[in-house]
């Protein structure tokens, strides 16, 4: 998937988004109680942070965590599925906002922080049996 941003961050984002989607697909196949205590909140934070970077930091919209959770539709009985859907929707929204002034800089700042969070989530998942690529 293309992030729609120019520069070095675009390629990195494709790989990280694909890795997040692979991780989420793996999580969806796990017993919910295995992933709920640590891994699910870690990946959830990534999606909420990305929503904030796009909506608040780039587009200047009023933002709060409750708004992000409503946007994710997190009350749904399949929270991992909602995070998968939200990750895909965010990709489309970043592409739509790519021409917005400052998009590349905001995206790059988010990606720097997201790399750390994704690495932490992957370490947690590997402790639960997620295959190393």
C-alpha atoms as a PDB file:
ATOM      1  CA  UNK A   1       0.000   0.000   0.000  1.00  0.00           C
ATOM      2  CA  UNK A   2       1.288   3.423  -0.848  1.00  0.00           C
ATOM      3  CA  UNK A   3       1.160   6.049   1.852  1.00  0.00           C
ATOM      4  CA  UNK A   4       0.845   8.772  -0.733  1.00  0.00           C
ATOM      5  CA  UNK A   5       3.734  10.739   0.751  1.00  0.00           C
ATOM      6  CA  UNK A   6       6.944  11.533  -1.000  1.00  0.00           C
ATOM      7  CA  UNK A   7      10.349  11.035   0.503  1.00  0.00           C
ATOM      8  CA  UNK A   8      12.000   8.295   2.461  1.00  0.00           C
ATOM      9  CA  UNK A   9       9.084   7.707   4.778  1.00  0.00           C
ATOM     10  CA  UNK A  10       6.695   6.417   2.121  1.00  0.00           C
ATOM     11  CA  UNK A  11       8.517   3.140   1.519  1.00  0.00           C
ATOM     12  CA  UNK A  12       9.088   2.575   5.204  1.00  0.00           C
ATOM     13  CA  UNK A  13       5.410   3.158   5.894  1.00  0.00           C
ATOM     14  CA  UNK A  14       4.332   0.565   3.325  1.00  0.00           C
ATOM     15  CA  UNK A  15       6.447  -2.049   5.067  1.00  0.00           C
ATOM     16  CA  UNK A  16       5.338  -1.046   8.548  1.00  0.00           C
ATOM     17  CA  UNK A  17       1.665  -0.888   7.583  1.00  0.00           C
ATOM     18  CA  UNK A  18       1.950  -4.315   5.944  1.00  0.00           C
ATOM     19  CA  UNK A  19       3.666  -5.655   9.064  1.00  0.00           C
ATOM     20  CA  UNK A  20       0.956  -4.154  11.280  1.00  0.00           C
ATOM     21  CA  UNK A  21      -1.727  -5.768   9.113  1.00  0.00           C
ATOM     22  CA  UNK A  22       0.085  -9.149   9.247  1.00  0.00           C
ATOM     23  CA  UNK A  23       0.346  -8.830  13.011  1.00  0.00           C
ATOM     24  CA  UNK A  24      -3.344  -7.934  13.313  1.00  0.00           C
ATOM     25  CA  UNK A  25      -4.351 -10.881  11.109  1.00  0.00           C
ATOM     26  CA  UNK A  26      -2.300 -13.174  13.346  1.00  0.00           C
ATOM     27  CA  UNK A  27      -3.837 -11.591  16.461  1.00  0.00           C
ATOM     28  CA  UNK A  28      -7.334 -12.150  15.101  1.00  0.00           C
ATOM     29  CA  UNK A  29      -6.633 -15.897  14.933  1.00  0.00           C
ATOM     30  CA  UNK A  30      -5.444 -16.035  18.568  1.00  0.00           C
ATOM     31  CA  UNK A  31      -7.465 -16.641  21.688  1.00  0.00           C
ATOM     32  CA  UNK A  32      -8.613 -13.160  22.723  1.00  0.00           C
ATOM     33  CA  UNK A  33      -7.502 -13.633  26.315  1.00  0.00           C
ATOM     34  CA  UNK A  34      -3.902 -14.263  25.142  1.00  0.00           C
ATOM     35  CA  UNK A  35      -3.645 -10.928  23.347  1.00  0.00           C
ATOM     36  CA  UNK A  36      -5.902  -8.764  25.536  1.00  0.00           C
ATOM     37  CA  UNK A  37      -3.608  -7.929  28.450  1.00  0.00           C
ATOM     38  CA  UNK A  38      -0.618  -6.430  26.648  1.00  0.00           C
ATOM     39  CA  UNK A  39      -0.501  -6.847  22.900  1.00  0.00           C
ATOM     40  CA  UNK A  40      -3.960  -5.549  22.006  1.00  0.00           C
ATOM     41  CA  UNK A  41      -3.523  -2.251  23.875  1.00  0.00           C
ATOM     42  CA  UNK A  42      -0.093  -1.775  22.293  1.00  0.00           C
ATOM     43  CA  UNK A  43      -1.428  -2.094  18.738  1.00  0.00           C
ATOM     44  CA  UNK A  44      -4.497  -0.074  19.673  1.00  0.00           C
ATOM     45  CA  UNK A  45      -2.202   2.779  20.773  1.00  0.00           C
ATOM     46  CA  UNK A  46      -0.527   2.723  17.343  1.00  0.00           C
ATOM     47  CA  UNK A  47      -3.842   3.124  15.541  1.00  0.00           C
ATOM     48  CA  UNK A  48      -5.056   5.870  17.899  1.00  0.00           C
ATOM     49  CA  UNK A  49      -1.722   7.719  17.565  1.00  0.00           C
ATOM     50  CA  UNK A  50      -1.937   7.521  13.784  1.00  0.00           C
ATOM     51  CA  UNK A  51      -5.472   8.874  13.898  1.00  0.00           C
ATOM     52  CA  UNK A  52      -4.252  11.797  16.029  1.00  0.00           C
ATOM     53  CA  UNK A  53      -1.336  12.522  13.699  1.00  0.00           C
ATOM     54  CA  UNK A  54      -3.603  12.635  10.672  1.00  0.00           C
ATOM     55  CA  UNK A  55      -6.712  14.266  12.059  1.00  0.00           C
ATOM     56  CA  UNK A  56      -5.306  16.620  14.713  1.00  0.00           C
ATOM     57  CA  UNK A  57      -1.750  17.321  13.620  1.00  0.00           C
ATOM     58  CA  UNK A  58      -2.225  17.478   9.853  1.00  0.00           C
ATOM     59  CA  UNK A  59      -5.854  18.355   9.246  1.00  0.00           C
ATOM     60  CA  UNK A  60      -6.308  20.534  12.350  1.00  0.00           C
ATOM     61  CA  UNK A  61      -9.497  18.794  13.448  1.00  0.00           C
ATOM     62  CA  UNK A  62     -10.681  18.752  17.031  1.00  0.00           C
ATOM     63  CA  UNK A  63      -9.337  15.494  18.407  1.00  0.00           C
ATOM     64  CA  UNK A  64      -9.601  13.413  21.550  1.00  0.00           C
ATOM     65  CA  UNK A  65      -9.125   9.721  22.321  1.00  0.00           C
ATOM     66  CA  UNK A  66     -12.910   9.188  22.575  1.00  0.00           C
ATOM     67  CA  UNK A  67     -13.304  10.613  19.052  1.00  0.00           C
ATOM     68  CA  UNK A  68     -10.661   8.201  17.813  1.00  0.00           C
ATOM     69  CA  UNK A  69     -12.379   5.232  19.468  1.00  0.00           C
ATOM     70  CA  UNK A  70     -15.737   6.226  17.966  1.00  0.00           C
ATOM     71  CA  UNK A  71     -14.058   6.534  14.548  1.00  0.00           C
ATOM     72  CA  UNK A  72     -12.515   3.081  15.000  1.00  0.00           C
ATOM     73  CA  UNK A  73     -15.968   1.821  16.086  1.00  0.00           C
ATOM     74  CA  UNK A  74     -14.238   0.079  18.938  1.00  0.00           C
ATOM     75  CA  UNK A  75     -17.473  -0.940  20.640  1.00  0.00           C
ATOM     76  CA  UNK A  76     -17.775  -3.630  17.944  1.00  0.00           C
ATOM     77  CA  UNK A  77     -17.445  -7.205  19.294  1.00  0.00           C
ATOM     78  CA  UNK A  78     -14.385  -7.818  17.066  1.00  0.00           C
ATOM     79  CA  UNK A  79     -11.840  -5.209  18.239  1.00  0.00           C
ATOM     80  CA  UNK A  80      -8.978  -6.717  16.252  1.00  0.00           C
ATOM     81  CA  UNK A  81     -11.098  -6.634  13.106  1.00  0.00           C
ATOM     82  CA  UNK A  82     -11.899  -2.993  13.791  1.00  0.00           C
ATOM     83  CA  UNK A  83      -8.179  -2.217  14.137  1.00  0.00           C
ATOM     84  CA  UNK A  84      -7.555  -3.932  10.790  1.00  0.00           C
ATOM     85  CA  UNK A  85     -10.301  -1.859   9.181  1.00  0.00           C
ATOM     86  CA  UNK A  86      -9.046   1.344  10.846  1.00  0.00           C
ATOM     87  CA  UNK A  87      -5.484   0.704   9.636  1.00  0.00           C
ATOM     88  CA  UNK A  88      -6.754   0.358   6.069  1.00  0.00           C
ATOM     89  CA  UNK A  89      -8.976   3.435   6.340  1.00  0.00           C
ATOM     90  CA  UNK A  90      -6.068   5.472   7.703  1.00  0.00           C
ATOM     91  CA  UNK A  91      -3.982   4.453   4.718  1.00  0.00           C
ATOM     92  CA  UNK A  92      -6.669   5.754   2.367  1.00  0.00           C
ATOM     93  CA  UNK A  93      -7.035   8.974   4.369  1.00  0.00           C
ATOM     94  CA  UNK A  94      -3.268   9.628   4.352  1.00  0.00           C
ATOM     95  CA  UNK A  95      -3.266   9.196   0.575  1.00  0.00           C
ATOM     96  CA  UNK A  96      -6.170  11.634   0.259  1.00  0.00           C
ATOM     97  CA  UNK A  97      -4.380  14.167   2.477  1.00  0.00           C
ATOM     98  CA  UNK A  98      -0.960  13.792   0.815  1.00  0.00           C
ATOM     99  CA  UNK A  99      -1.209  17.139  -1.002  1.00  0.00           C
ATOM    100  CA  UNK A 100      -2.040  18.968   2.217  1.00  0.00           C
ATOM    101  CA  UNK A 101       0.740  21.365   3.269  1.00  0.00           C
ATOM    102  CA  UNK A 102       3.007  19.697   5.788  1.00  0.00           C
ATOM    103  CA  UNK A 103       1.724  16.180   5.115  1.00  0.00           C
ATOM    104  CA  UNK A 104       5.163  14.644   4.611  1.00  0.00           C
ATOM    105  CA  UNK A 105       6.568  16.199   7.803  1.00  0.00           C
ATOM    106  CA  UNK A 106       3.604  15.136   9.936  1.00  0.00           C
ATOM    107  CA  UNK A 107       3.716  11.656   8.467  1.00  0.00           C
ATOM    108  CA  UNK A 108       7.446  11.347   9.111  1.00  0.00           C
ATOM    109  CA  UNK A 109       7.056  12.401  12.771  1.00  0.00           C
ATOM    110  CA  UNK A 110       4.308   9.836  13.238  1.00  0.00           C
ATOM    111  CA  UNK A 111       6.342   7.103  11.541  1.00  0.00           C
ATOM    112  CA  UNK A 112       9.328   7.685  13.838  1.00  0.00           C
ATOM    113  CA  UNK A 113       7.174   7.119  16.917  1.00  0.00           C
ATOM    114  CA  UNK A 114       5.197   4.306  15.280  1.00  0.00           C
ATOM    115  CA  UNK A 115       8.360   2.318  14.531  1.00  0.00           C
ATOM    116  CA  UNK A 116       9.101   2.131  18.244  1.00  0.00           C
ATOM    117  CA  UNK A 117       5.546   1.069  19.079  1.00  0.00           C
ATOM    118  CA  UNK A 118       5.378  -1.517  16.313  1.00  0.00           C
ATOM    119  CA  UNK A 119       8.729  -2.986  17.384  1.00  0.00           C
ATOM    120  CA  UNK A 120       7.425  -3.242  20.959  1.00  0.00           C
ATOM    121  CA  UNK A 121       4.212  -4.906  19.745  1.00  0.00           C
ATOM    122  CA  UNK A 122       6.184  -7.360  17.608  1.00  0.00           C
ATOM    123  CA  UNK A 123       8.356  -8.333  20.583  1.00  0.00           C
ATOM    124  CA  UNK A 124       5.227  -8.972  22.644  1.00  0.00           C
ATOM    125  CA  UNK A 125       3.662 -10.987  19.829  1.00  0.00           C
ATOM    126  CA  UNK A 126       6.778 -13.100  19.360  1.00  0.00           C
ATOM    127  CA  UNK A 127       6.626 -14.029  23.029  1.00  0.00           C
ATOM    128  CA  UNK A 128       3.153 -15.359  22.205  1.00  0.00           C
ATOM    129  CA  UNK A 129       4.333 -17.275  19.147  1.00  0.00           C
ATOM    130  CA  UNK A 130       4.117 -14.747  16.315  1.00  0.00           C
ATOM    131  CA  UNK A 131       6.535 -15.934  13.610  1.00  0.00           C
ATOM    132  CA  UNK A 132       9.653 -13.876  13.019  1.00  0.00           C
ATOM    133  CA  UNK A 133       9.979 -12.676   9.415  1.00  0.00           C
END
